[in-house]
Amino acid sequence: MKIAILQNFYFPYNKGGAENFVKESISKLQKQNHQIILITTKPKNKKIIKEEIDELKTYRIASKCHSLSDKSLFWRYFWHISNIYNPKRKRIIKKILEDEKVDLCISHNLIGLGLFLPKLFYKLKIKHIHYLHDIQLLHPSGLMFWGKENILNTCLAKKYQLINRYYFKHLYKVISPSNWLMKEHLNKGFFKESAAEIKPLKEIKKSTENYNRQKNSFLFVGQVEKHKGIEFLIKTFNKIKKNNIELKIIGDGKDHNRLKKLYQDDKRIIFLGRKNKKEVEDQMKISSVLIVPSLCYENSPTVIYEAKDNNLTTIASSIGGISEIIENPKLLFIPENEEDLLEKINMFIS
């Protein structure tokens, strides 16, 4: 079968867990002898790049979604209007699908490619499966912060949802890793004519190795940005008056340099920067606990699956779909609650 995978960010422009999930999904489909093409974006140059890496035919279309965070709110507002419907990009992707004679489209994050695409697939009579990774069909930011749930009920958000319900009306199937995220969409009237499936991002394959873990070594892996709760975590950790503990931070983002400079005098806080998959696994094998302190509603963070694979205990914010993959409620804390997080950290200090 000829399958087109559509995902806005992809290697080497990775940003988070969704890109890693897509990469693994493509590998599985290729092993099943399907022909795969990838349609994704690139940050510069209007010319479409067609390339083949590791037997994956890839089409990269220029999109300003790569620089969205650097733009003003006013600029982003008008950009999102063009993302809802873009005639030029529609023609480009239509030609790719017709030239490649695609049998099935599997889409993931479409911000930057175009939210109109499901309607195009339907008109071309191509079966379409869509994966939910966040709330980008309910709000253009894709983010909903703890205590600010009302953003989904504003007048503009409701109009945005109305348009997306129209475009996503004829899906063959929608898949979500968490019950929480699926319910958020169903409650807003999405996917009434589509099959819906809850499917975990991956199977947990717990390692049987006995790791030599460092005592009192806490680990954060993710984007070093406000919505991931990293500054809240550092401020909370900074209140622990003990020297025999450490917090290792893996990842980068717009707050990385500021926070690194701000806390440079606390030698217990170690900024390791961005690491590849193996380097992250190596750190998980020697750390005591992973902390996921998200302030925004998470779907099903891949970093928790990776920690489980390496038998690493995770303590995390009780928000979104996180509680569906962390079975022990004693390992969950109230988002942005320093006292609750400190209590959980102290449980693991030797």
C-alpha atoms as a PDB file:
ATOM      1  CA  MET A   1       0.000   0.000   0.000  1.00  0.00           C
ATOM      2  CA  LYS A   2       1.169   3.538  -0.779  1.00  0.00           C
ATOM      3  CA  ILE A   3       0.848   5.638   2.382  1.00  0.00           C
ATOM      4  CA  ALA A   4       1.429   9.375   2.797  1.00  0.00           C
ATOM      5  CA  ILE A   5       2.443  10.510   6.278  1.00  0.00           C
ATOM      6  CA  LEU A   6       1.800  14.186   7.025  1.00  0.00           C
ATOM      7  CA  GLN A   7       3.583  15.806   9.979  1.00  0.00           C
ATOM      8  CA  ASN A   8       4.603  19.454  10.314  1.00  0.00           C
ATOM      9  CA  PHE A   9       7.970  19.015  12.117  1.00  0.00           C
ATOM     10  CA  TYR A  10      10.340  16.167  11.304  1.00  0.00           C
ATOM     11  CA  PHE A  11      14.045  15.404  11.583  1.00  0.00           C
ATOM     12  CA  PRO A  12      16.241  17.492  11.586  1.00  0.00           C
ATOM     13  CA  TYR A  13      13.618  19.985  12.826  1.00  0.00           C
ATOM     14  CA  ASN A  14      12.472  17.875  15.789  1.00  0.00           C
ATOM     15  CA  LYS A  15      10.673  19.666  18.602  1.00  0.00           C
ATOM     16  CA  GLY A  16       9.097  17.014  20.796  1.00  0.00           C
ATOM     17  CA  GLY A  17       7.709  13.541  21.316  1.00  0.00           C
ATOM     18  CA  ALA A  18       5.309  13.607  18.361  1.00  0.00           C
ATOM     19  CA  GLU A  19       8.199  13.673  15.876  1.00  0.00           C
ATOM     20  CA  ASN A  20       9.847  10.667  17.535  1.00  0.00           C
ATOM     21  CA  PHE A  21       6.539   8.792  17.479  1.00  0.00           C
ATOM     22  CA  VAL A  22       6.076   9.547  13.764  1.00  0.00           C
ATOM     23  CA  LYS A  23       9.595   8.366  12.981  1.00  0.00           C
ATOM     24  CA  GLU A  24       9.011   5.052  14.780  1.00  0.00           C
ATOM     25  CA  SER A  25       5.606   4.654  13.072  1.00  0.00           C
ATOM     26  CA  ILE A  26       7.194   5.110   9.639  1.00  0.00           C
ATOM     27  CA  SER A  27       9.811   2.477  10.451  1.00  0.00           C
ATOM     28  CA  LYS A  28       7.100  -0.017  11.477  1.00  0.00           C
ATOM     29  CA  LEU A  29       5.095   0.602   8.297  1.00  0.00           C
ATOM     30  CA  GLN A  30       8.195   0.165   6.129  1.00  0.00           C
ATOM     31  CA  LYS A  31       8.910  -3.173   7.830  1.00  0.00           C
ATOM     32  CA  GLN A  32       5.380  -4.211   6.843  1.00  0.00           C
ATOM     33  CA  ASN A  33       6.406  -3.574   3.209  1.00  0.00           C
ATOM     34  CA  HIS A  34       4.265  -0.465   2.721  1.00  0.00           C
ATOM     35  CA  GLN A  35       5.564   2.278   0.438  1.00  0.00           C
ATOM     36  CA  ILE A  36       5.842   5.439   2.517  1.00  0.00           C
ATOM     37  CA  ILE A  37       6.149   9.076   1.492  1.00  0.00           C
ATOM     38  CA  LEU A  38       6.473  11.883   4.020  1.00  0.00           C
ATOM     39  CA  ILE A  39       5.047  15.368   3.530  1.00  0.00           C
ATOM     40  CA  THR A  40       6.486  17.828   6.028  1.00  0.00           C
ATOM     41  CA  THR A  41       7.760  21.415   6.340  1.00  0.00           C
ATOM     42  CA  LYS A  42      11.039  23.290   6.290  1.00  0.00           C
ATOM     43  CA  PRO A  43      11.846  26.757   7.636  1.00  0.00           C
ATOM     44  CA  LYS A  44      13.374  28.559   4.645  1.00  0.00           C
ATOM     45  CA  ASN A  45      13.350  28.853   0.884  1.00  0.00           C
ATOM     46  CA  LYS A  46      10.121  28.714  -1.149  1.00  0.00           C
ATOM     47  CA  LYS A  47      11.361  25.868  -3.329  1.00  0.00           C
ATOM     48  CA  ILE A  48       9.941  22.424  -2.460  1.00  0.00           C
ATOM     49  CA  ILE A  49      12.668  19.940  -1.592  1.00  0.00           C
ATOM     50  CA  LYS A  50      12.231  16.339  -2.646  1.00  0.00           C
ATOM     51  CA  GLU A  51      14.745  14.012  -1.034  1.00  0.00           C
ATOM     52  CA  GLU A  52      15.212  10.407  -0.019  1.00  0.00           C
ATOM     53  CA  ILE A  53      16.810   9.546   3.326  1.00  0.00           C
ATOM     54  CA  ASP A  54      16.958   5.953   4.620  1.00  0.00           C
ATOM     55  CA  GLU A  55      14.565   4.843   1.850  1.00  0.00           C
ATOM     56  CA  LEU A  56      11.988   7.453   2.875  1.00  0.00           C
ATOM     57  CA  LYS A  57      10.841   9.721   0.068  1.00  0.00           C
ATOM     58  CA  THR A  58      10.283  13.126   1.653  1.00  0.00           C
ATOM     59  CA  TYR A  59       8.647  16.311   0.400  1.00  0.00           C
ATOM     60  CA  ARG A  60       9.542  19.430   2.400  1.00  0.00           C
ATOM     61  CA  ILE A  61       7.340  22.499   1.933  1.00  0.00           C
ATOM     62  CA  ALA A  62       8.411  25.909   3.254  1.00  0.00           C
ATOM     63  CA  SER A  63       6.318  27.112   6.194  1.00  0.00           C
ATOM     64  CA  LYS A  64       6.665  29.926   8.703  1.00  0.00           C
ATOM     65  CA  CYS A  65       5.421  27.643  11.473  1.00  0.00           C
ATOM     66  CA  HIS A  66       9.109  27.151  12.353  1.00  0.00           C
ATOM     67  CA  SER A  67       9.402  30.776  13.507  1.00  0.00           C
ATOM     68  CA  LEU A  68       5.924  31.251  15.020  1.00  0.00           C
ATOM     69  CA  SER A  69       7.173  31.637  18.602  1.00  0.00           C
ATOM     70  CA  ASP A  70       9.311  34.608  17.539  1.00  0.00           C
ATOM     71  CA  LYS A  71       6.380  36.526  16.060  1.00  0.00           C
ATOM     72  CA  SER A  72       3.927  38.919  17.679  1.00  0.00           C
ATOM     73  CA  LEU A  73       0.449  37.811  18.726  1.00  0.00           C
ATOM     74  CA  PHE A  74      -1.030  40.042  15.988  1.00  0.00           C
ATOM     75  CA  TRP A  75       1.144  38.410  13.287  1.00  0.00           C
ATOM     76  CA  ARG A  76       0.343  34.895  14.534  1.00  0.00           C
ATOM     77  CA  TYR A  77      -3.386  35.626  14.414  1.00  0.00           C
ATOM     78  CA  PHE A  78      -3.300  36.308  10.660  1.00  0.00           C
ATOM     79  CA  TRP A  79      -0.880  33.441  10.038  1.00  0.00           C
ATOM     80  CA  HIS A  80      -3.313  30.980  11.619  1.00  0.00           C
ATOM     81  CA  ILE A  81      -6.045  32.236   9.269  1.00  0.00           C
ATOM     82  CA  SER A  82      -3.820  31.347   6.305  1.00  0.00           C
ATOM     83  CA  ASN A  83      -3.093  27.968   7.900  1.00  0.00           C
ATOM     84  CA  ILE A  84      -6.807  27.161   8.054  1.00  0.00           C
ATOM     85  CA  TYR A  85      -7.016  27.531   4.273  1.00  0.00           C
ATOM     86  CA  ASN A  86      -4.108  28.058   1.864  1.00  0.00           C
ATOM     87  CA  PRO A  87      -4.984  27.580  -1.856  1.00  0.00           C
ATOM     88  CA  LYS A  88      -1.333  27.467  -2.981  1.00  0.00           C
ATOM     89  CA  ARG A  89      -0.357  24.783  -0.479  1.00  0.00           C
ATOM     90  CA  LYS A  90      -3.519  22.871  -1.357  1.00  0.00           C
ATOM     91  CA  ARG A  91      -2.440  22.733  -5.036  1.00  0.00           C
ATOM     92  CA  ILE A  92       1.070  21.623  -4.074  1.00  0.00           C
ATOM     93  CA  ILE A  93      -0.076  18.770  -1.822  1.00  0.00           C
ATOM     94  CA  LYS A  94      -2.859  17.726  -4.223  1.00  0.00           C
ATOM     95  CA  LYS A  95      -0.280  17.305  -7.006  1.00  0.00           C
ATOM     96  CA  ILE A  96       2.036  15.273  -4.744  1.00  0.00           C
ATOM     97  CA  LEU A  97      -0.788  12.913  -3.745  1.00  0.00           C
ATOM     98  CA  GLU A  98      -1.964  12.460  -7.340  1.00  0.00           C
ATOM     99  CA  ASP A  99       1.541  11.966  -8.753  1.00  0.00           C
ATOM    100  CA  GLU A 100       2.376   9.425  -6.039  1.00  0.00           C
ATOM    101  CA  LYS A 101      -1.001   7.622  -6.396  1.00  0.00           C
ATOM    102  CA  VAL A 102      -1.487   7.467  -2.633  1.00  0.00           C
ATOM    103  CA  ASP A 103      -3.928   4.907  -1.153  1.00  0.00           C
ATOM    104  CA  LEU A 104      -3.974   6.136   2.466  1.00  0.00           C
ATOM    105  CA  CYS A 105      -3.122   9.359   4.289  1.00  0.00           C
ATOM    106  CA  ILE A 106      -2.074   9.296   7.937  1.00  0.00           C
ATOM    107  CA  SER A 107      -1.834  12.769   9.439  1.00  0.00           C
ATOM    108  CA  HIS A 108      -0.417  13.966  12.741  1.00  0.00           C
ATOM    109  CA  ASN A 109       0.225  17.641  13.514  1.00  0.00           C
ATOM    110  CA  LEU A 110      -1.046  19.725  10.579  1.00  0.00           C
ATOM    111  CA  ILE A 111      -0.256  23.241  11.856  1.00  0.00           C
ATOM    112  CA  GLY A 112       2.014  24.596   9.115  1.00  0.00           C
ATOM    113  CA  LEU A 113       0.776  22.185   6.442  1.00  0.00           C
ATOM    114  CA  GLY A 114      -2.886  23.183   6.600  1.00  0.00           C
ATOM    115  CA  LEU A 115      -5.970  22.215   8.564  1.00  0.00           C
ATOM    116  CA  PHE A 116      -7.968  22.086   5.315  1.00  0.00           C
ATOM    117  CA  LEU A 117      -6.181  18.898   4.207  1.00  0.00           C
ATOM    118  CA  PRO A 118      -8.744  16.320   5.485  1.00  0.00           C
ATOM    119  CA  LYS A 119     -11.318  17.875   3.138  1.00  0.00           C
ATOM    120  CA  LEU A 120      -8.836  17.513   0.248  1.00  0.00           C
ATOM    121  CA  PHE A 121      -8.254  13.826   1.056  1.00  0.00           C
ATOM    122  CA  TYR A 122     -12.014  13.262   1.104  1.00  0.00           C
ATOM    123  CA  LYS A 123     -12.474  14.897  -2.329  1.00  0.00           C
ATOM    124  CA  LEU A 124      -9.628  12.788  -3.732  1.00  0.00           C
ATOM    125  CA  LYS A 125     -11.321   9.684  -2.236  1.00  0.00           C
ATOM    126  CA  ILE A 126      -8.231   8.822  -0.195  1.00  0.00           C
ATOM    127  CA  LYS A 127      -8.853   7.060   3.121  1.00  0.00           C
ATOM    128  CA  HIS A 128      -7.651   9.229   5.991  1.00  0.00           C
ATOM    129  CA  ILE A 129      -6.533   8.381   9.547  1.00  0.00           C
ATOM    130  CA  HIS A 130      -5.669  11.220  11.923  1.00  0.00           C
ATOM    131  CA  TYR A 131      -3.633  11.010  15.159  1.00  0.00           C
ATOM    132  CA  LEU A 132      -4.344  13.457  17.961  1.00  0.00           C
ATOM    133  CA  HIS A 133      -1.265  14.748  19.781  1.00  0.00           C
ATOM    134  CA  ASP A 134      -2.613  17.903  21.436  1.00  0.00           C
ATOM    135  CA  ILE A 135      -5.551  20.331  21.310  1.00  0.00           C
ATOM    136  CA  GLN A 136      -4.524  22.140  18.111  1.00  0.00           C
ATOM    137  CA  LEU A 137      -7.963  21.488  16.561  1.00  0.00           C
ATOM    138  CA  LEU A 138      -9.598  23.169  19.566  1.00  0.00           C
ATOM    139  CA  HIS A 139      -7.199  26.110  19.927  1.00  0.00           C
ATOM    140  CA  PRO A 140      -4.523  27.326  17.463  1.00  0.00           C
ATOM    141  CA  SER A 141      -1.825  27.436  20.149  1.00  0.00           C
ATOM    142  CA  GLY A 142      -2.280  23.711  20.856  1.00  0.00           C
ATOM    143  CA  LEU A 143      -1.763  24.577  24.538  1.00  0.00           C
ATOM    144  CA  MET A 144      -4.105  24.864  27.493  1.00  0.00           C
ATOM    145  CA  PHE A 145      -2.553  25.903  30.798  1.00  0.00           C
ATOM    146  CA  TRP A 146      -3.645  24.741  34.234  1.00  0.00           C
ATOM    147  CA  GLY A 147      -6.237  27.196  35.567  1.00  0.00           C
ATOM    148  CA  LYS A 148      -6.917  28.688  32.111  1.00  0.00           C
ATOM    149  CA  GLU A 149      -9.260  26.040  30.725  1.00  0.00           C
ATOM    150  CA  ASN A 150     -11.720  28.711  29.584  1.00  0.00           C
ATOM    151  CA  ILE A 151      -9.611  29.487  26.504  1.00  0.00           C
ATOM    152  CA  LEU A 152     -11.530  26.711  24.705  1.00  0.00           C
ATOM    153  CA  ASN A 153     -14.831  28.502  25.305  1.00  0.00           C
ATOM    154  CA  THR A 154     -14.013  31.977  23.964  1.00  0.00           C
ATOM    155  CA  CYS A 155     -15.886  33.300  20.935  1.00  0.00           C
ATOM    156  CA  LEU A 156     -12.819  33.017  18.657  1.00  0.00           C
ATOM    157  CA  ALA A 157     -12.027  29.485  19.882  1.00  0.00           C
ATOM    158  CA  LYS A 158     -15.594  28.359  19.152  1.00  0.00           C
ATOM    159  CA  LYS A 159     -15.409  29.757  15.593  1.00  0.00           C
ATOM    160  CA  TYR A 160     -12.032  28.046  15.115  1.00  0.00           C
ATOM    161  CA  GLN A 161     -13.516  24.733  16.317  1.00  0.00           C
ATOM    162  CA  LEU A 162     -16.518  25.141  13.987  1.00  0.00           C
ATOM    163  CA  ILE A 163     -14.216  25.415  10.966  1.00  0.00           C
ATOM    164  CA  ASN A 164     -12.135  22.422  12.034  1.00  0.00           C
ATOM    165  CA  ARG A 165     -15.229  20.284  12.659  1.00  0.00           C
ATOM    166  CA  TYR A 166     -16.167  20.972   9.038  1.00  0.00           C
ATOM    167  CA  TYR A 167     -12.739  20.034   7.665  1.00  0.00           C
ATOM    168  CA  PHE A 168     -12.385  16.909   9.838  1.00  0.00           C
ATOM    169  CA  LYS A 169     -15.960  15.717   9.336  1.00  0.00           C
ATOM    170  CA  HIS A 170     -15.224  12.777   7.033  1.00  0.00           C
ATOM    171  CA  LEU A 171     -12.258  11.060   8.714  1.00  0.00           C
ATOM    172  CA  TYR A 172     -12.130   7.281   8.323  1.00  0.00           C
ATOM    173  CA  LYS A 173     -10.621   6.978  11.805  1.00  0.00           C
ATOM    174  CA  VAL A 174      -9.224   9.172  14.572  1.00  0.00           C
ATOM    175  CA  ILE A 175      -6.694   7.779  17.058  1.00  0.00           C
ATOM    176  CA  SER A 176      -5.754   9.239  20.435  1.00  0.00           C
ATOM    177  CA  PRO A 177      -3.213   7.903  22.953  1.00  0.00           C
ATOM    178  CA  SER A 178      -5.334   9.154  25.866  1.00  0.00           C
ATOM    179  CA  ASN A 179      -8.992   9.023  26.823  1.00  0.00           C
ATOM    180  CA  TRP A 180      -8.667  12.583  28.114  1.00  0.00           C
ATOM    181  CA  LEU A 181      -7.753  14.074  24.721  1.00  0.00           C
ATOM    182  CA  MET A 182     -10.385  12.090  22.821  1.00  0.00           C
ATOM    183  CA  LYS A 183     -13.100  13.207  25.255  1.00  0.00           C
ATOM    184  CA  GLU A 184     -12.045  16.856  24.911  1.00  0.00           C
ATOM    185  CA  HIS A 185     -12.727  16.630  21.163  1.00  0.00           C
ATOM    186  CA  LEU A 186     -15.890  14.554  21.398  1.00  0.00           C
ATOM    187  CA  ASN A 187     -17.327  17.013  23.926  1.00  0.00           C
ATOM    188  CA  LYS A 188     -16.783  19.791  21.370  1.00  0.00           C
ATOM    189  CA  GLY A 189     -18.728  17.877  18.691  1.00  0.00           C
ATOM    190  CA  PHE A 190     -15.799  16.432  16.704  1.00  0.00           C
ATOM    191  CA  PHE A 191     -15.625  13.087  14.835  1.00  0.00           C
ATOM    192  CA  LYS A 192     -19.346  12.205  14.913  1.00  0.00           C
ATOM    193  CA  GLU A 193     -19.029  10.237  11.655  1.00  0.00           C
ATOM    194  CA  SER A 194     -15.614   8.671  12.326  1.00  0.00           C
ATOM    195  CA  ALA A 195     -14.343   5.560  14.044  1.00  0.00           C
ATOM    196  CA  ALA A 196     -12.513   6.501  17.248  1.00  0.00           C
ATOM    197  CA  GLU A 197      -9.730   4.485  18.856  1.00  0.00           C
ATOM    198  CA  ILE A 198      -7.672   4.892  22.040  1.00  0.00           C
ATOM    199  CA  LYS A 199      -4.215   3.506  21.354  1.00  0.00           C
ATOM    200  CA  PRO A 200      -1.145   3.998  23.622  1.00  0.00           C
ATOM    201  CA  LEU A 201       1.854   5.541  21.894  1.00  0.00           C
ATOM    202  CA  LYS A 202       3.930   2.419  22.403  1.00  0.00           C
ATOM    203  CA  GLU A 203       4.187  -0.873  24.230  1.00  0.00           C
ATOM    204  CA  ILE A 204       6.178  -0.739  27.451  1.00  0.00           C
ATOM    205  CA  LYS A 205       9.179  -3.071  27.225  1.00  0.00           C
ATOM    206  CA  LYS A 206      10.692  -2.877  30.686  1.00  0.00           C
ATOM    207  CA  SER A 207      14.403  -3.572  30.776  1.00  0.00           C
ATOM    208  CA  THR A 208      15.553  -6.501  32.888  1.00  0.00           C
ATOM    209  CA  GLU A 209      18.938  -4.890  33.561  1.00  0.00           C
ATOM    210  CA  ASN A 210      19.981  -3.854  37.061  1.00  0.00           C
ATOM    211  CA  TYR A 211      21.180  -0.279  36.758  1.00  0.00           C
ATOM    212  CA  ASN A 212      23.686   1.373  39.054  1.00  0.00           C
ATOM    213  CA  ARG A 213      21.598   4.446  39.831  1.00  0.00           C
ATOM    214  CA  GLN A 214      23.030   7.577  41.419  1.00  0.00           C
ATOM    215  CA  LYS A 215      21.343   8.515  44.693  1.00  0.00           C
ATOM    216  CA  ASN A 216      19.285  11.700  44.813  1.00  0.00           C
ATOM    217  CA  SER A 217      19.741  12.321  41.079  1.00  0.00           C
ATOM    218  CA  PHE A 218      16.610  13.859  39.560  1.00  0.00           C
ATOM    219  CA  LEU A 219      16.100  14.213  35.801  1.00  0.00           C
ATOM    220  CA  PHE A 220      14.058  16.488  33.520  1.00  0.00           C
ATOM    221  CA  VAL A 221      13.777  15.752  29.782  1.00  0.00           C
ATOM    222  CA  GLY A 222      11.875  18.081  27.466  1.00  0.00           C
ATOM    223  CA  GLN A 223      11.552  21.559  26.023  1.00  0.00           C
ATOM    224  CA  VAL A 224      13.036  24.202  28.304  1.00  0.00           C
ATOM    225  CA  GLU A 225       9.976  26.424  28.053  1.00  0.00           C
ATOM    226  CA  LYS A 226       7.274  27.732  30.376  1.00  0.00           C
ATOM    227  CA  HIS A 227       4.505  25.289  29.425  1.00  0.00           C
ATOM    228  CA  LYS A 228       6.695  22.309  30.371  1.00  0.00           C
ATOM    229  CA  GLY A 229       6.977  23.646  33.918  1.00  0.00           C
ATOM    230  CA  ILE A 230      10.782  23.729  33.949  1.00  0.00           C
ATOM    231  CA  GLU A 231      11.088  27.108  35.723  1.00  0.00           C
ATOM    232  CA  PHE A 232       8.524  26.004  38.323  1.00  0.00           C
ATOM    233  CA  LEU A 233      10.572  22.830  38.851  1.00  0.00           C
ATOM    234  CA  ILE A 234      13.888  24.692  39.262  1.00  0.00           C
ATOM    235  CA  LYS A 235      12.378  27.219  41.706  1.00  0.00           C
ATOM    236  CA  THR A 236      10.911  24.377  43.759  1.00  0.00           C
ATOM    237  CA  PHE A 237      14.146  22.360  43.686  1.00  0.00           C
ATOM    238  CA  ASN A 238      16.096  25.463  44.691  1.00  0.00           C
ATOM    239  CA  LYS A 239      14.150  25.534  47.991  1.00  0.00           C
ATOM    240  CA  ILE A 240      15.618  22.190  49.076  1.00  0.00           C
ATOM    241  CA  LYS A 241      18.520  23.025  51.380  1.00  0.00           C
ATOM    242  CA  LYS A 242      20.594  19.885  50.862  1.00  0.00           C
ATOM    243  CA  ASN A 243      23.879  19.525  48.995  1.00  0.00           C
ATOM    244  CA  ASN A 244      23.783  15.813  48.172  1.00  0.00           C
ATOM    245  CA  ILE A 245      21.129  16.133  45.447  1.00  0.00           C
ATOM    246  CA  GLU A 246      21.177  17.148  41.807  1.00  0.00           C
ATOM    247  CA  LEU A 247      18.734  18.083  39.049  1.00  0.00           C
ATOM    248  CA  LYS A 248      19.878  17.270  35.501  1.00  0.00           C
ATOM    249  CA  ILE A 249      18.069  19.089  32.698  1.00  0.00           C
ATOM    250  CA  ILE A 250      18.101  17.630  29.180  1.00  0.00           C
ATOM    251  CA  GLY A 251      16.641  19.716  26.356  1.00  0.00           C
ATOM    252  CA  ASP A 252      16.679  23.163  24.864  1.00  0.00           C
ATOM    253  CA  GLY A 253      14.210  25.929  24.153  1.00  0.00           C
ATOM    254  CA  LYS A 254      13.722  29.657  24.342  1.00  0.00           C
ATOM    255  CA  ASP A 255      14.167  29.738  28.147  1.00  0.00           C
ATOM    256  CA  HIS A 256      17.326  27.601  28.215  1.00  0.00           C
ATOM    257  CA  ASN A 257      19.994  30.310  28.229  1.00  0.00           C
ATOM    258  CA  ARG A 258      18.072  32.587  30.604  1.00  0.00           C
ATOM    259  CA  LEU A 259      17.510  29.874  33.204  1.00  0.00           C
ATOM    260  CA  LYS A 260      21.053  28.531  32.884  1.00  0.00           C
ATOM    261  CA  LYS A 261      22.449  31.990  33.607  1.00  0.00           C
ATOM    262  CA  LEU A 262      19.928  32.684  36.392  1.00  0.00           C
ATOM    263  CA  TYR A 263      20.809  29.499  38.310  1.00  0.00           C
ATOM    264  CA  GLN A 264      24.502  29.214  37.409  1.00  0.00           C
ATOM    265  CA  ASP A 265      25.533  29.581  41.076  1.00  0.00           C
ATOM    266  CA  ASP A 266      23.589  26.488  42.154  1.00  0.00           C
ATOM    267  CA  LYS A 267      25.971  23.666  41.210  1.00  0.00           C
ATOM    268  CA  ARG A 268      23.280  21.092  41.979  1.00  0.00           C
ATOM    269  CA  ILE A 269      21.354  22.202  38.856  1.00  0.00           C
ATOM    270  CA  ILE A 270      23.046  20.863  35.726  1.00  0.00           C
ATOM    271  CA  PHE A 271      22.005  21.927  32.221  1.00  0.00           C
ATOM    272  CA  LEU A 272      23.046  19.170  29.797  1.00  0.00           C
ATOM    273  CA  GLY A 273      21.501  20.694  26.657  1.00  0.00           C
ATOM    274  CA  ARG A 274      19.968  18.690  23.850  1.00  0.00           C
ATOM    275  CA  LYS A 275      20.858  14.983  23.681  1.00  0.00           C
ATOM    276  CA  ASN A 276      20.157  12.175  21.217  1.00  0.00           C
ATOM    277  CA  LYS A 277      17.974   9.194  22.084  1.00  0.00           C
ATOM    278  CA  LYS A 278      20.830   6.993  23.318  1.00  0.00           C
ATOM    279  CA  GLU A 279      22.265   9.758  25.492  1.00  0.00           C
ATOM    280  CA  VAL A 280      18.834  10.311  27.064  1.00  0.00           C
ATOM    281  CA  GLU A 281      18.519   6.571  27.754  1.00  0.00           C
ATOM    282  CA  ASP A 282      21.992   6.536  29.335  1.00  0.00           C
ATOM    283  CA  GLN A 283      20.938   9.309  31.723  1.00  0.00           C
ATOM    284  CA  MET A 284      17.687   7.506  32.529  1.00  0.00           C
ATOM    285  CA  LYS A 285      19.667   4.396  33.495  1.00  0.00           C
ATOM    286  CA  ILE A 286      21.706   6.246  36.135  1.00  0.00           C
ATOM    287  CA  SER A 287      19.108   8.694  37.485  1.00  0.00           C
ATOM    288  CA  SER A 288      16.902   8.124  40.532  1.00  0.00           C
ATOM    289  CA  VAL A 289      13.667   9.764  39.349  1.00  0.00           C
ATOM    290  CA  LEU A 290      12.262  11.514  36.275  1.00  0.00           C
ATOM    291  CA  ILE A 291      10.184  14.636  36.955  1.00  0.00           C
ATOM    292  CA  VAL A 292       7.498  15.796  34.476  1.00  0.00           C
ATOM    293  CA  PRO A 293       6.242  19.116  35.923  1.00  0.00           C
ATOM    294  CA  SER A 294       3.961  20.234  33.051  1.00  0.00           C
ATOM    295  CA  LEU A 295       1.822  23.325  33.520  1.00  0.00           C
ATOM    296  CA  CYS A 296      -0.111  22.669  30.312  1.00  0.00           C
ATOM    297  CA  TYR A 297      -2.500  19.827  29.627  1.00  0.00           C
ATOM    298  CA  GLU A 298      -0.480  16.925  28.239  1.00  0.00           C
ATOM    299  CA  ASN A 299      -1.791  14.153  26.033  1.00  0.00           C
ATOM    300  CA  SER A 300       0.517  11.200  26.647  1.00  0.00           C
ATOM    301  CA  PRO A 301       4.155  12.329  27.056  1.00  0.00           C
ATOM    302  CA  THR A 302       6.569   9.960  25.281  1.00  0.00           C
ATOM    303  CA  VAL A 303       9.256  10.691  27.889  1.00  0.00           C
ATOM    304  CA  ILE A 304       7.194   8.783  30.481  1.00  0.00           C
ATOM    305  CA  TYR A 305       7.074   5.743  28.191  1.00  0.00           C
ATOM    306  CA  GLU A 306      10.849   5.971  27.736  1.00  0.00           C
ATOM    307  CA  ALA A 307      11.323   6.157  31.514  1.00  0.00           C
ATOM    308  CA  LYS A 308       9.159   3.051  31.968  1.00  0.00           C
ATOM    309  CA  ASP A 309      11.248   1.211  29.371  1.00  0.00           C
ATOM    310  CA  ASN A 310      14.287   1.942  31.546  1.00  0.00           C
ATOM    311  CA  ASN A 311      12.584   1.125  34.878  1.00  0.00           C
ATOM    312  CA  LEU A 312      12.894   4.759  35.942  1.00  0.00           C
ATOM    313  CA  THR A 313      10.262   6.013  38.383  1.00  0.00           C
ATOM    314  CA  THR A 314       8.381   9.133  37.242  1.00  0.00           C
ATOM    315  CA  ILE A 315       6.686  11.778  39.350  1.00  0.00           C
ATOM    316  CA  ALA A 316       4.502  14.130  37.330  1.00  0.00           C
ATOM    317  CA  SER A 317       1.783  16.777  37.251  1.00  0.00           C
ATOM    318  CA  SER A 318      -1.690  15.306  37.467  1.00  0.00           C
ATOM    319  CA  ILE A 319      -2.882  16.980  34.288  1.00  0.00           C
ATOM    320  CA  GLY A 320      -4.443  15.823  31.025  1.00  0.00           C
ATOM    321  CA  GLY A 321      -3.703  12.225  30.086  1.00  0.00           C
ATOM    322  CA  ILE A 322      -0.661  11.798  32.357  1.00  0.00           C
ATOM    323  CA  SER A 323      -2.615  10.000  35.090  1.00  0.00           C
ATOM    324  CA  GLU A 324      -3.579   7.336  32.527  1.00  0.00           C
ATOM    325  CA  ILE A 325       0.040   6.181  32.178  1.00  0.00           C
ATOM    326  CA  ILE A 326       1.204   6.714  35.778  1.00  0.00           C
ATOM    327  CA  GLU A 327      -0.863   4.205  37.700  1.00  0.00           C
ATOM    328  CA  ASN A 328       0.315   5.099  41.221  1.00  0.00           C
ATOM    329  CA  PRO A 329      -1.533   8.264  42.412  1.00  0.00           C
ATOM    330  CA  LYS A 330       1.182   8.837  45.035  1.00  0.00           C
ATOM    331  CA  LEU A 331       3.535   9.788  42.168  1.00  0.00           C
ATOM    332  CA  LEU A 332       1.239  12.569  40.911  1.00  0.00           C
ATOM    333  CA  PHE A 333       1.222  16.142  42.213  1.00  0.00           C
ATOM    334  CA  ILE A 334      -1.054  19.149  41.725  1.00  0.00           C
ATOM    335  CA  PRO A 335       0.285  21.332  38.866  1.00  0.00           C
ATOM    336  CA  GLU A 336       2.154  24.461  39.982  1.00  0.00           C
ATOM    337  CA  ASN A 337       1.871  23.410  43.639  1.00  0.00           C
ATOM    338  CA  GLU A 338       5.343  23.738  45.205  1.00  0.00           C
ATOM    339  CA  GLU A 339       4.375  22.102  48.482  1.00  0.00           C
ATOM    340  CA  ASP A 340       2.961  19.030  46.743  1.00  0.00           C
ATOM    341  CA  LEU A 341       5.986  18.677  44.442  1.00  0.00           C
ATOM    342  CA  LEU A 342       8.419  19.080  47.377  1.00  0.00           C
ATOM    343  CA  GLU A 343       6.596  16.329  49.218  1.00  0.00           C
ATOM    344  CA  LYS A 344       7.005  13.991  46.223  1.00  0.00           C
ATOM    345  CA  ILE A 345      10.715  14.849  45.784  1.00  0.00           C
ATOM    346  CA  ASN A 346      11.400  14.304  49.485  1.00  0.00           C
ATOM    347  CA  MET A 347       9.929  10.801  49.208  1.00  0.00           C
ATOM    348  CA  PHE A 348      12.957   9.888  47.069  1.00  0.00           C
ATOM    349  CA  ILE A 349      15.758  11.714  48.879  1.00  0.00           C
ATOM    350  CA  SER A 350      17.880   9.116  50.652  1.00  0.00           C
END
